Amino acid sequence: MTLHSIPMHMQRRTLLKLLGAAGIGGLYPAFAHAQAAEPRRGGTLKIALLGLDTSDPHRHSGSIAVQQVYAETLTSIADDGTVKPFLAERFELSADGRRYTFVLRKGIRFHNGRALTAQDVKANFERVRDKVKGGWLSGAMKQVSSLTVAGADTLQVELQEAYAPFLNLLSELWIIAPESPGWDDTIRQPIGTGPFTFGKWQPDVRFHAPAFDNYWQPGLPYLQAVEFDLRGDRDNSLSLRSGDLHVAYVGNDKLDALRNENIGVQHLKDTAWYFLSFNNRKPGKLMQDARVRQAIALSLDKRVYMDFVLKGALTSDQPMRPDTFYWDRALEARDPYAKPDLARARQLLREAGVDPAGHTLKLVSWQNDYAQVAVQMVRELGFRIDHQSLDDIGAQRALALYDWDLAPFHSGPRADVYLRYARLLSDGPSPMLWGGIQDKELDARIAAAVSAPNAQQARDGYLQAWQHVMDRLYTVGIGHAADAIGVAPSVRGYATGYTWSQNRVDGGLARTWLAA
């Protein structure tokens, strides 16, 4: 393991031992990267991945595939899942795991030409901690007790207690110039440091990002601009084949056709997790009966479901990918809904006095084909289904009303295991996909995992939290599959990362170019 990378499951004590043995006091060196010879400059790359739900990077609700091109972070999740310095040249961690010292790189400028300083970074920490409620980093920022500028390029962050996910979570704390319009409320025109600038944004339509000529990484970017198609969940394979898109998220059922037309296919290096959630915030009388939830869970054939998503994809109830550190084989073996059992499901409905033919279940989903699989499986029990298939923003709005029953969704790769669990918290960010759970006991279990003094205890804590979710049947885990990205033959230098990030420490759109 290199000294400038920290595995996502590595906790404070193990990390400190490694740093002490190296005799470098916890300092991390700068990164280096290589680029293919003779890249061609210019051109506009057209890309369709996730949406852009807000112009304020601190207030996003989960759409994280666009912000990185114009706003950057102190740390970055590398292709192998480790955390590395990014805007920070290096960082050090105190012996008790409570104080972090970040030293910024030289020569970084905001898009308005002003140099980045430690005071700017401090202002971003304070804004997210004090003004953003229920955001992705709200839990982490509650841990920040003090922020000290120790020099023009040095910031010290003091935490109330050791907080294992901190460095990983900072890979989603985008640093924006405090003079950005809307800073005191909702940022309308973010001024970042990325390889591209915040250009013209048409919500749910497109986002145009011109190149930043004074980007801090010499010679980058190669492209003149990047244009994101934000029109939601569509069949992007058609646009790839016609040449209207260069890079795009595509369904796994389209991959063979794309390959046949010489369109490259890449997968994210971590998996997305597929699940079916119940409305836990405002469940109707029918769905308050545990037997009805159990019957619906037993109607799901997880193997068939995941094979529809991607042949040979992994089935699992747990939010972390099988055979990784935070997954547990024994817990998986105790999943009472691992295999479908329609006979038992119908018996449970009879015991509950429920005639499914007399009930219509409201199901909200994205415009993804796998949602139809969920619909058909639940319909096998005899329920009528009112299916609302919506784009990303529309689905979030519908879910936030909590007037639905079922929600089949998937959640892409995250920078840390904590972000899989954060949305299960009572005050978690955008909790709608998991039915808006309100459970103080679950909150306490997740908090215990986060503050655990070592990796094994953190793992035990997260698994106990997930057992709690299973016992109360808040959501049904179905499986894991890596999301696929289609790449046109003219694209050079593009490679997917561990997460959806399109600008990171070791790759992304800054290094991408278009062949003639």
Protein backbone atom coordinates (compact mmCIF):
# COMPACT_ATOMS: atom_id res chain seq x y z
CA MET A 1 0.00 0.00 0.00
CA THR A 2 1.40 3.39 -0.94
CA LEU A 3 1.64 6.05 1.74
CA HIS A 4 -0.45 8.57 -0.15
CA SER A 5 -3.53 6.36 -0.26
CA ILE A 6 -5.84 5.21 2.52
CA PRO A 7 -8.18 2.25 1.93
CA MET A 8 -11.80 3.13 2.55
CA HIS A 9 -11.98 0.56 5.33
CA MET A 10 -8.78 1.74 7.04
CA GLN A 11 -9.40 3.30 10.42
CA ARG A 12 -7.34 5.75 12.47
CA ARG A 13 -5.16 3.39 14.55
CA THR A 14 -4.00 1.26 11.64
CA LEU A 15 -3.31 4.38 9.62
CA LEU A 16 -1.25 5.96 12.39
CA LYS A 17 0.85 2.84 12.79
CA LEU A 18 1.70 2.89 9.10
CA LEU A 19 2.59 6.58 9.16
CA GLY A 20 4.68 6.20 12.29
CA ALA A 21 6.59 3.30 10.79
CA ALA A 22 7.32 5.39 7.73
CA GLY A 23 8.66 8.20 9.90
CA ILE A 24 6.96 10.92 7.91
CA GLY A 25 4.63 12.37 10.53
CA GLY A 26 1.47 11.68 8.52
CA LEU A 27 2.36 13.88 5.54
CA TYR A 28 1.14 12.76 2.15
CA PRO A 29 3.06 13.56 -1.04
CA ALA A 30 1.64 15.08 -4.18
CA PHE A 31 0.33 12.85 -6.92
CA ALA A 32 1.69 12.40 -10.41
CA HIS A 33 -0.07 11.35 -13.59
CA ALA A 34 0.69 10.34 -17.12
CA GLN A 35 -1.17 11.19 -20.29
CA ALA A 36 -1.23 9.59 -23.70
CA ALA A 37 1.10 11.26 -26.21
CA GLU A 38 -0.01 13.97 -28.62
CA PRO A 39 -3.51 14.78 -27.37
CA ARG A 40 -5.58 16.93 -29.68
CA ARG A 41 -6.87 20.21 -28.26
CA GLY A 42 -10.30 21.72 -28.79
CA GLY A 43 -13.76 20.42 -29.43
CA THR A 44 -16.85 20.03 -27.26
CA LEU A 45 -17.46 16.67 -25.65
CA LYS A 46 -21.14 15.78 -25.25
CA ILE A 47 -21.91 13.61 -22.25
CA ALA A 48 -25.02 12.26 -20.49
CA LEU A 49 -24.68 10.74 -17.03
CA LEU A 50 -26.62 11.90 -13.97
CA GLY A 51 -28.57 15.13 -13.65
CA LEU A 52 -27.70 18.45 -12.04
CA ASP A 53 -30.32 19.17 -9.41
CA THR A 54 -28.96 22.48 -8.12
CA SER A 55 -26.46 25.19 -8.94
CA ASP A 56 -25.35 25.12 -5.29
CA PRO A 57 -22.74 22.34 -4.88
CA HIS A 58 -23.27 22.31 -1.10
CA ARG A 59 -26.99 21.56 -1.44
CA HIS A 60 -27.08 18.72 -3.95
CA SER A 61 -29.41 15.78 -3.27
CA GLY A 62 -27.32 13.01 -4.76
CA SER A 63 -26.61 13.97 -8.37
CA ILE A 64 -22.82 14.04 -8.25
CA ALA A 65 -21.60 13.44 -11.79
CA VAL A 66 -21.50 17.07 -12.94
CA GLN A 67 -20.26 19.34 -10.12
CA GLN A 68 -16.70 17.99 -10.16
CA VAL A 69 -15.84 19.57 -13.49
CA TYR A 70 -16.18 23.11 -12.11
CA ALA A 71 -15.75 22.60 -8.34
CA GLU A 72 -12.98 20.61 -6.66
CA THR A 73 -12.26 19.21 -3.22
CA LEU A 74 -9.43 18.83 -0.72
CA THR A 75 -9.39 15.06 -1.21
CA SER A 76 -10.33 12.71 -4.04
CA ILE A 77 -11.33 9.07 -4.31
CA ALA A 78 -8.86 7.41 -6.65
CA ASP A 79 -9.63 4.65 -9.12
CA ASP A 80 -8.73 1.97 -6.58
CA GLY A 81 -11.11 3.37 -3.95
CA THR A 82 -8.45 5.01 -1.79
CA VAL A 83 -8.51 8.62 -0.64
CA LYS A 84 -5.74 10.93 -1.85
CA PRO A 85 -4.91 14.66 -1.64
CA PHE A 86 -6.35 16.82 -4.43
CA LEU A 87 -6.61 20.58 -3.80
CA ALA A 88 -4.63 19.75 -0.68
CA GLU A 89 -1.02 18.97 -1.49
CA ARG A 90 -0.81 16.95 1.69
CA PHE A 91 -2.50 16.48 5.04
CA GLU A 92 -1.55 15.20 8.46
CA LEU A 93 -3.56 13.58 11.24
CA SER A 94 -2.92 14.05 14.94
CA ALA A 95 -2.21 11.12 17.23
CA ASP A 96 -5.70 11.21 18.76
CA GLY A 97 -7.40 11.35 15.35
CA ARG A 98 -9.16 14.64 16.09
CA ARG A 99 -7.03 17.26 14.32
CA TYR A 100 -6.42 17.39 10.57
CA THR A 101 -3.94 19.80 9.00
CA PHE A 102 -4.35 20.51 5.28
CA VAL A 103 -1.66 22.23 3.21
CA LEU A 104 -2.97 23.58 -0.12
CA ARG A 105 -1.21 23.27 -3.44
CA LYS A 106 0.46 26.35 -4.86
CA GLY A 107 -0.92 28.17 -7.89
CA ILE A 108 -4.60 27.21 -7.64
CA ARG A 109 -6.94 29.94 -8.86
CA PHE A 110 -10.67 30.36 -8.87
CA HIS A 111 -12.39 30.96 -12.19
CA ASN A 112 -12.47 34.71 -11.45
CA GLY A 113 -8.66 34.71 -11.30
CA ARG A 114 -8.26 35.00 -7.53
CA ALA A 115 -5.86 32.65 -5.72
CA LEU A 116 -7.31 29.96 -3.47
CA THR A 117 -6.42 30.44 0.21
CA ALA A 118 -6.94 28.52 3.43
CA GLN A 119 -9.43 31.21 4.46
CA ASP A 120 -11.60 30.25 1.47
CA VAL A 121 -11.55 26.62 2.50
CA LYS A 122 -12.48 27.61 6.06
CA ALA A 123 -15.44 29.61 4.73
CA ASN A 124 -16.70 26.56 2.84
CA PHE A 125 -16.48 24.36 5.94
CA GLU A 126 -18.40 26.98 7.91
CA ARG A 127 -21.08 27.39 5.27
CA VAL A 128 -21.79 23.67 5.06
CA ARG A 129 -21.67 23.28 8.86
CA ASP A 130 -23.77 26.31 9.77
CA LYS A 131 -26.11 26.97 6.84
CA VAL A 132 -26.81 23.68 5.04
CA LYS A 133 -29.31 21.47 6.87
CA GLY A 134 -29.84 17.82 5.99
CA GLY A 135 -27.07 17.80 3.39
CA TRP A 136 -24.74 14.99 2.46
CA LEU A 137 -22.06 16.24 4.84
CA SER A 138 -24.27 17.46 7.68
CA GLY A 139 -23.24 14.60 9.96
CA ALA A 140 -19.55 15.11 9.30
CA MET A 141 -19.72 18.87 9.77
CA LYS A 142 -21.40 18.47 13.16
CA GLN A 143 -18.10 16.96 14.28
CA VAL A 144 -16.11 20.10 13.43
CA SER A 145 -15.47 22.03 16.64
CA SER A 146 -12.92 24.57 15.37
CA LEU A 147 -11.29 25.78 12.15
CA THR A 148 -7.95 27.58 12.31
CA VAL A 149 -6.10 29.27 9.45
CA ALA A 150 -2.45 28.58 10.31
CA GLY A 151 -1.07 30.29 7.20
CA ALA A 152 -2.16 31.41 3.76
CA ASP A 153 -2.13 27.82 2.56
CA THR A 154 -2.71 25.87 5.80
CA LEU A 155 -5.97 24.99 7.56
CA GLN A 156 -6.35 23.04 10.80
CA VAL A 157 -9.67 21.28 11.40
CA GLU A 158 -10.44 20.12 14.94
CA LEU A 159 -13.12 17.47 15.48
CA GLN A 160 -15.08 16.78 18.66
CA GLU A 161 -13.99 13.16 18.46
CA ALA A 162 -12.26 10.82 16.04
CA TYR A 163 -14.42 10.42 12.93
CA ALA A 164 -13.27 7.65 10.62
CA PRO A 165 -15.02 8.68 7.33
CA PHE A 166 -13.81 12.30 7.45
CA LEU A 167 -11.15 12.28 4.71
CA ASN A 168 -13.34 10.27 2.36
CA LEU A 169 -16.33 12.55 2.90
CA LEU A 170 -14.25 15.63 2.12
CA SER A 171 -14.09 14.32 -1.46
CA GLU A 172 -17.64 15.70 -1.73
CA LEU A 173 -17.06 19.04 0.03
CA TRP A 174 -16.70 21.21 -3.07
CA ILE A 175 -14.68 24.39 -2.54
CA ILE A 176 -16.36 27.50 -3.97
CA ALA A 177 -15.24 31.14 -3.85
CA PRO A 178 -17.20 32.93 -1.08
CA GLU A 179 -17.89 35.79 -3.51
CA SER A 180 -20.00 33.44 -5.65
CA PRO A 181 -23.45 35.02 -6.24
CA GLY A 182 -25.95 33.62 -3.76
CA TRP A 183 -23.35 32.53 -1.19
CA ASP A 184 -25.50 33.67 1.76
CA ASP A 185 -28.52 31.70 0.54
CA THR A 186 -28.41 29.46 -2.54
CA ILE A 187 -25.41 29.77 -4.84
CA ARG A 188 -26.60 30.70 -8.33
CA GLN A 189 -23.27 31.01 -10.13
CA PRO A 190 -20.59 28.90 -8.44
CA ILE A 191 -17.01 30.11 -8.89
CA GLY A 192 -14.84 27.04 -8.54
CA THR A 193 -11.33 25.87 -9.39
CA GLY A 194 -12.08 23.00 -11.79
CA PRO A 195 -10.88 22.46 -15.36
CA PHE A 196 -14.21 23.76 -16.67
CA THR A 197 -16.33 26.71 -15.57
CA PHE A 198 -20.00 26.99 -14.65
CA GLY A 199 -21.45 28.14 -17.96
CA LYS A 200 -25.05 28.01 -19.14
CA TRP A 201 -27.39 25.75 -17.16
CA GLN A 202 -30.86 24.84 -18.39
CA PRO A 203 -32.35 22.61 -15.67
CA ASP A 204 -33.42 19.18 -16.92
CA VAL A 205 -32.13 20.08 -20.41
CA ARG A 206 -28.39 20.78 -20.66
CA PHE A 207 -25.36 22.28 -18.95
CA HIS A 208 -22.53 23.87 -20.94
CA ALA A 209 -19.13 24.15 -19.23
CA PRO A 210 -16.37 26.07 -21.08
CA ALA A 211 -12.72 25.22 -20.38
CA PHE A 212 -10.83 27.22 -17.75
CA ASP A 213 -7.66 28.56 -19.39
CA ASN A 214 -5.78 29.06 -16.10
CA TYR A 215 -6.41 25.65 -14.59
CA TRP A 216 -3.82 24.73 -11.97
CA GLN A 217 -2.79 21.44 -13.63
CA PRO A 218 -0.48 22.54 -16.48
CA GLY A 219 -1.69 21.81 -20.00
CA LEU A 220 -5.18 20.72 -18.94
CA PRO A 221 -7.92 20.51 -20.00
CA TYR A 222 -7.63 19.49 -23.64
CA LEU A 223 -11.27 20.05 -24.54
CA GLN A 224 -12.69 23.46 -25.36
CA ALA A 225 -15.91 22.67 -23.50
CA VAL A 226 -18.07 19.93 -22.06
CA GLU A 227 -21.82 19.80 -22.59
CA PHE A 228 -23.96 17.64 -20.31
CA ASP A 229 -27.31 16.32 -21.50
CA LEU A 230 -29.60 16.56 -18.45
CA ARG A 231 -32.83 15.28 -19.96
CA GLY A 232 -33.13 12.44 -17.48
CA ASP A 233 -33.36 8.70 -17.87
CA ARG A 234 -33.39 8.08 -21.62
CA ASP A 235 -32.01 5.46 -23.97
CA ASN A 236 -28.64 7.12 -24.49
CA SER A 237 -27.44 4.24 -26.66
CA LEU A 238 -29.34 5.69 -29.61
CA SER A 239 -27.55 9.03 -29.26
CA LEU A 240 -24.19 7.29 -28.94
CA ARG A 241 -24.84 5.34 -32.12
CA SER A 242 -25.97 8.44 -34.02
CA GLY A 243 -22.98 10.49 -32.84
CA ASP A 244 -25.04 12.96 -30.82
CA LEU A 245 -23.26 11.88 -27.62
CA HIS A 246 -19.64 10.98 -26.98
CA VAL A 247 -19.93 9.53 -23.45
CA ALA A 248 -23.12 8.32 -21.79
CA TYR A 249 -24.64 6.14 -19.12
CA VAL A 250 -26.32 3.16 -20.81
CA GLY A 251 -28.45 0.24 -19.74
CA ASN A 252 -26.72 -3.10 -19.58
CA ASP A 253 -29.21 -4.52 -22.07
CA LYS A 254 -27.75 -2.18 -24.73
CA LEU A 255 -24.10 -3.20 -24.38
CA ASP A 256 -23.91 -5.88 -27.07
CA ALA A 257 -25.47 -3.57 -29.66
CA LEU A 258 -23.02 -0.81 -28.79
CA ARG A 259 -20.00 -3.10 -29.01
CA ASN A 260 -21.19 -4.30 -32.40
CA GLU A 261 -20.94 -0.69 -33.63
CA ASN A 262 -17.43 -0.18 -32.25
CA ILE A 263 -18.61 1.88 -29.28
CA GLY A 264 -16.52 1.20 -26.21
CA VAL A 265 -18.06 0.09 -22.93
CA GLN A 266 -16.59 0.83 -19.52
CA HIS A 267 -17.96 0.14 -16.04
CA LEU A 268 -17.61 2.13 -12.86
CA LYS A 269 -15.05 0.50 -10.62
CA ASP A 270 -17.50 0.09 -7.74
CA THR A 271 -21.05 -1.21 -7.94
CA ALA A 272 -24.49 0.30 -7.64
CA TRP A 273 -26.82 -1.19 -5.04
CA TYR A 274 -30.38 -2.16 -6.04
CA PHE A 275 -33.21 -2.22 -3.50
CA LEU A 276 -36.96 -1.87 -2.98
CA SER A 277 -38.01 0.56 -0.25
CA PHE A 278 -41.26 0.92 1.66
CA ASN A 279 -42.75 4.27 2.65
CA ASN A 280 -41.49 4.50 6.22
CA ARG A 281 -42.30 8.16 6.90
CA LYS A 282 -46.07 8.08 6.20
CA PRO A 283 -47.10 4.49 5.48
CA GLY A 284 -50.74 3.82 4.73
CA LYS A 285 -52.70 1.47 6.98
CA LEU A 286 -52.10 -1.48 4.66
CA MET A 287 -48.32 -1.06 4.65
CA GLN A 288 -48.20 -0.66 8.44
CA ASP A 289 -48.91 -4.38 8.72
CA ALA A 290 -45.56 -6.22 8.86
CA ARG A 291 -47.13 -9.25 7.19
CA VAL A 292 -47.93 -7.22 4.06
CA ARG A 293 -44.34 -5.99 3.86
CA GLN A 294 -43.08 -9.53 4.34
CA ALA A 295 -45.35 -10.80 1.58
CA ILE A 296 -44.08 -8.17 -0.84
CA ALA A 297 -40.47 -8.99 0.07
CA LEU A 298 -41.16 -12.67 -0.59
CA SER A 299 -42.55 -11.86 -4.04
CA LEU A 300 -39.13 -10.62 -5.22
CA ASP A 301 -36.99 -13.09 -7.13
CA LYS A 302 -33.63 -11.44 -6.58
CA ARG A 303 -31.74 -13.67 -9.00
CA VAL A 304 -34.15 -12.96 -11.86
CA TYR A 305 -34.23 -9.26 -10.94
CA MET A 306 -30.46 -8.83 -10.98
CA ASP A 307 -30.01 -10.95 -14.12
CA PHE A 308 -32.36 -8.50 -15.82
CA VAL A 309 -30.13 -5.64 -14.69
CA LEU A 310 -26.96 -7.46 -15.75
CA LYS A 311 -26.52 -11.17 -16.42
CA GLY A 312 -24.52 -12.66 -13.58
CA ALA A 313 -24.85 -9.60 -11.33
CA LEU A 314 -24.53 -10.16 -7.60
CA THR A 315 -27.57 -10.75 -5.39
CA SER A 316 -27.35 -9.45 -1.83
CA ASP A 317 -29.54 -7.90 0.82
CA GLN A 318 -26.69 -5.75 2.15
CA PRO A 319 -25.73 -2.24 0.97
CA MET A 320 -22.05 -3.12 0.53
CA ARG A 321 -20.82 -5.34 -2.28
CA PRO A 322 -20.35 -9.04 -1.41
CA ASP A 323 -16.86 -10.17 -0.41
CA THR A 324 -15.80 -6.68 0.62
CA PHE A 325 -14.84 -5.63 4.13
CA TYR A 326 -18.19 -4.25 5.27
CA TRP A 327 -20.25 -7.16 3.93
CA ASP A 328 -20.94 -10.24 6.07
CA ARG A 329 -21.56 -13.78 4.84
CA ALA A 330 -23.35 -14.90 8.00
CA LEU A 331 -25.72 -11.95 7.89
CA GLU A 332 -26.43 -12.68 4.23
CA ALA A 333 -27.29 -16.27 5.13
CA ARG A 334 -29.92 -14.99 7.58
CA ASP A 335 -31.79 -13.01 4.92
CA PRO A 336 -35.36 -14.42 5.11
CA TYR A 337 -36.13 -12.98 1.67
CA ALA A 338 -33.13 -14.34 -0.21
CA LYS A 339 -35.42 -16.51 -2.35
CA PRO A 340 -38.99 -15.87 -3.49
CA ASP A 341 -41.85 -17.77 -1.87
CA LEU A 342 -45.20 -16.81 -3.36
CA ALA A 343 -47.09 -19.50 -1.43
CA ARG A 344 -45.81 -18.15 1.88
CA ALA A 345 -46.46 -14.58 0.71
CA ARG A 346 -50.10 -15.34 -0.09
CA GLN A 347 -50.51 -17.10 3.26
CA LEU A 348 -49.24 -14.00 5.05
CA LEU A 349 -51.75 -11.84 3.19
CA ARG A 350 -54.57 -14.20 4.18
CA GLU A 351 -53.44 -14.06 7.82
CA ALA A 352 -53.52 -10.27 7.60
CA GLY A 353 -57.04 -10.39 6.14
CA VAL A 354 -55.85 -8.67 2.97
CA ASP A 355 -57.39 -9.34 -0.43
CA PRO A 356 -54.72 -7.91 -2.76
CA ALA A 357 -57.22 -7.54 -5.60
CA GLY A 358 -58.93 -4.84 -3.55
CA HIS A 359 -55.82 -2.71 -3.15
CA THR A 360 -53.81 -0.47 -5.46
CA LEU A 361 -50.18 0.11 -4.51
CA LYS A 362 -48.53 3.33 -5.63
CA LEU A 363 -45.00 2.71 -6.89
CA VAL A 364 -42.57 5.52 -7.76
CA SER A 365 -39.42 4.89 -9.79
CA TRP A 366 -36.99 6.33 -12.27
CA GLN A 367 -37.55 5.62 -15.94
CA ASN A 368 -35.56 2.40 -15.72
CA ASP A 369 -36.65 -0.94 -17.14
CA TYR A 370 -35.82 -2.84 -13.95
CA ALA A 371 -38.65 -1.02 -12.17
CA GLN A 372 -41.04 -2.93 -14.44
CA VAL A 373 -39.55 -6.15 -13.08
CA ALA A 374 -40.48 -5.05 -9.56
CA VAL A 375 -43.97 -4.13 -10.75
CA GLN A 376 -44.55 -7.53 -12.32
CA MET A 377 -43.22 -9.45 -9.32
CA VAL A 378 -45.42 -7.61 -6.82
CA ARG A 379 -48.37 -7.85 -9.20
CA GLU A 380 -48.05 -11.65 -9.01
CA LEU A 381 -49.57 -11.39 -5.53
CA GLY A 382 -52.73 -9.90 -7.05
CA PHE A 383 -52.20 -6.22 -6.18
CA ARG A 384 -53.05 -3.51 -8.67
CA ILE A 385 -50.11 -1.16 -9.29
CA ASP A 386 -50.17 2.57 -9.98
CA HIS A 387 -46.66 3.04 -11.39
CA GLN A 388 -45.23 6.56 -11.72
CA SER A 389 -42.06 6.35 -13.83
CA LEU A 390 -40.24 9.70 -13.63
CA ASP A 391 -36.95 11.38 -14.42
CA ASP A 392 -34.42 11.97 -11.64
CA ILE A 393 -35.73 15.32 -10.42
CA GLY A 394 -39.37 14.32 -10.85
CA ALA A 395 -38.85 11.15 -8.84
CA GLN A 396 -37.20 13.05 -5.99
CA ARG A 397 -40.11 15.44 -5.84
CA ALA A 398 -42.70 12.66 -5.89
CA LEU A 399 -40.87 10.67 -3.23
CA ALA A 400 -40.63 13.71 -0.95
CA LEU A 401 -44.46 13.83 -0.76
CA TYR A 402 -44.53 10.42 0.97
CA ASP A 403 -47.89 9.51 -0.53
CA TRP A 404 -46.58 6.30 -2.15
CA ASP A 405 -46.10 2.68 -1.06
CA LEU A 406 -43.11 1.19 -2.89
CA ALA A 407 -39.94 2.54 -4.49
CA PRO A 408 -37.52 0.35 -6.50
CA PHE A 409 -34.26 2.25 -7.01
CA HIS A 410 -30.51 1.86 -7.08
CA SER A 411 -27.74 3.90 -5.49
CA GLY A 412 -24.39 4.35 -7.22
CA PRO A 413 -20.90 4.04 -5.74
CA ARG A 414 -20.11 6.23 -2.75
CA ALA A 415 -16.89 7.67 -1.35
CA ASP A 416 -17.26 5.88 1.99
CA VAL A 417 -19.35 3.16 3.61
CA TYR A 418 -20.89 5.86 5.81
CA LEU A 419 -22.61 7.40 2.79
CA ARG A 420 -24.49 4.14 2.26
CA TYR A 421 -25.88 4.49 5.78
CA ALA A 422 -26.22 8.28 6.03
CA ARG A 423 -29.49 8.26 4.09
CA LEU A 424 -30.99 5.86 6.63
CA LEU A 425 -30.56 8.46 9.38
CA SER A 426 -33.54 10.41 10.73
CA ASP A 427 -31.87 13.65 9.59
CA GLY A 428 -29.95 12.13 6.70
CA PRO A 429 -29.54 13.69 3.24
CA SER A 430 -32.29 13.05 0.69
CA PRO A 431 -33.71 10.07 2.60
CA MET A 432 -36.69 9.60 0.29
CA LEU A 433 -35.28 6.65 -1.66
CA TRP A 434 -35.28 4.68 1.59
CA GLY A 435 -38.73 5.85 2.65
CA GLY A 436 -37.67 8.57 5.08
CA ILE A 437 -36.76 6.38 8.05
CA GLN A 438 -37.22 7.97 11.49
CA ASP A 439 -35.56 5.66 14.02
CA LYS A 440 -33.43 6.93 16.92
CA GLU A 441 -32.13 3.47 17.72
CA LEU A 442 -30.86 3.09 14.16
CA ASP A 443 -29.33 6.58 14.36
CA ALA A 444 -27.42 5.53 17.49
CA ARG A 445 -26.14 2.33 15.89
CA ILE A 446 -24.81 4.21 12.85
CA ALA A 447 -23.24 6.86 15.09
CA ALA A 448 -21.46 4.13 17.05
CA ALA A 449 -20.06 2.65 13.85
CA VAL A 450 -18.79 6.02 12.67
CA SER A 451 -16.98 6.76 15.95
CA ALA A 452 -15.52 3.27 16.37
CA PRO A 453 -11.78 3.28 17.25
CA ASN A 454 -10.81 0.62 14.70
CA ALA A 455 -11.94 -0.99 11.48
CA GLN A 456 -13.32 -4.17 13.02
CA GLN A 457 -15.49 -2.33 15.52
CA ALA A 458 -16.74 -0.02 12.78
CA ARG A 459 -17.62 -3.04 10.67
CA ASP A 460 -19.47 -4.65 13.58
CA GLY A 461 -21.39 -1.44 14.19
CA TYR A 462 -22.51 -1.06 10.60
CA LEU A 463 -23.59 -4.70 10.43
CA GLN A 464 -25.63 -4.29 13.62
CA ALA A 465 -27.27 -1.25 12.06
CA TRP A 466 -28.13 -3.24 8.95
CA GLN A 467 -29.55 -6.10 11.01
CA HIS A 468 -31.82 -3.49 12.60
CA VAL A 469 -32.98 -2.38 9.13
CA MET A 470 -33.63 -6.00 8.15
CA ASP A 471 -35.60 -6.70 11.31
CA ARG A 472 -37.90 -3.74 10.68
CA LEU A 473 -38.05 -4.31 6.93
CA TYR A 474 -37.54 -0.67 6.00
CA THR A 475 -36.08 -1.69 2.65
CA VAL A 476 -35.28 -4.91 0.81
CA GLY A 477 -31.79 -5.21 -0.61
CA ILE A 478 -31.74 -6.98 -3.96
CA GLY A 479 -28.21 -6.92 -5.38
CA HIS A 480 -25.23 -5.15 -6.89
CA ALA A 481 -24.14 -4.36 -10.45
CA ALA A 482 -21.65 -1.94 -11.94
CA ASP A 483 -23.11 0.88 -14.01
CA ALA A 484 -22.03 0.94 -17.66
CA ILE A 485 -20.72 3.90 -19.66
CA GLY A 486 -20.65 3.97 -23.46
CA VAL A 487 -17.68 5.76 -25.03
CA ALA A 488 -17.60 6.81 -28.70
CA PRO A 489 -14.60 5.75 -30.85
CA SER A 490 -13.44 9.36 -31.20
CA VAL A 491 -12.94 9.78 -27.44
CA ARG A 492 -9.42 9.45 -26.06
CA GLY A 493 -8.11 9.51 -22.51
CA TYR A 494 -11.47 8.93 -20.84
CA ALA A 495 -11.72 6.36 -18.06
CA THR A 496 -14.40 5.72 -15.47
CA GLY A 497 -13.53 6.04 -11.80
CA TYR A 498 -14.49 4.37 -8.55
CA THR A 499 -17.49 6.71 -8.26
CA TRP A 500 -19.34 8.94 -10.73
CA SER A 501 -16.77 11.73 -10.37
CA GLN A 502 -15.82 13.24 -13.74
CA ASN A 503 -12.77 15.07 -12.38
CA ARG A 504 -10.57 13.34 -9.83
CA VAL A 505 -7.00 12.87 -8.71
CA ASP A 506 -6.12 10.28 -11.36
CA GLY A 507 -8.54 10.78 -14.24
CA GLY A 508 -11.60 12.41 -15.69
CA LEU A 509 -12.65 14.92 -18.31
CA ALA A 510 -9.63 17.18 -17.84
CA ARG A 511 -7.52 14.46 -19.48
CA THR A 512 -10.07 13.54 -22.15
CA TRP A 513 -9.77 14.64 -25.78
CA LEU A 514 -11.43 14.07 -29.13
CA ALA A 515 -9.61 12.53 -32.07
CA ALA A 516 -9.98 14.15 -35.47
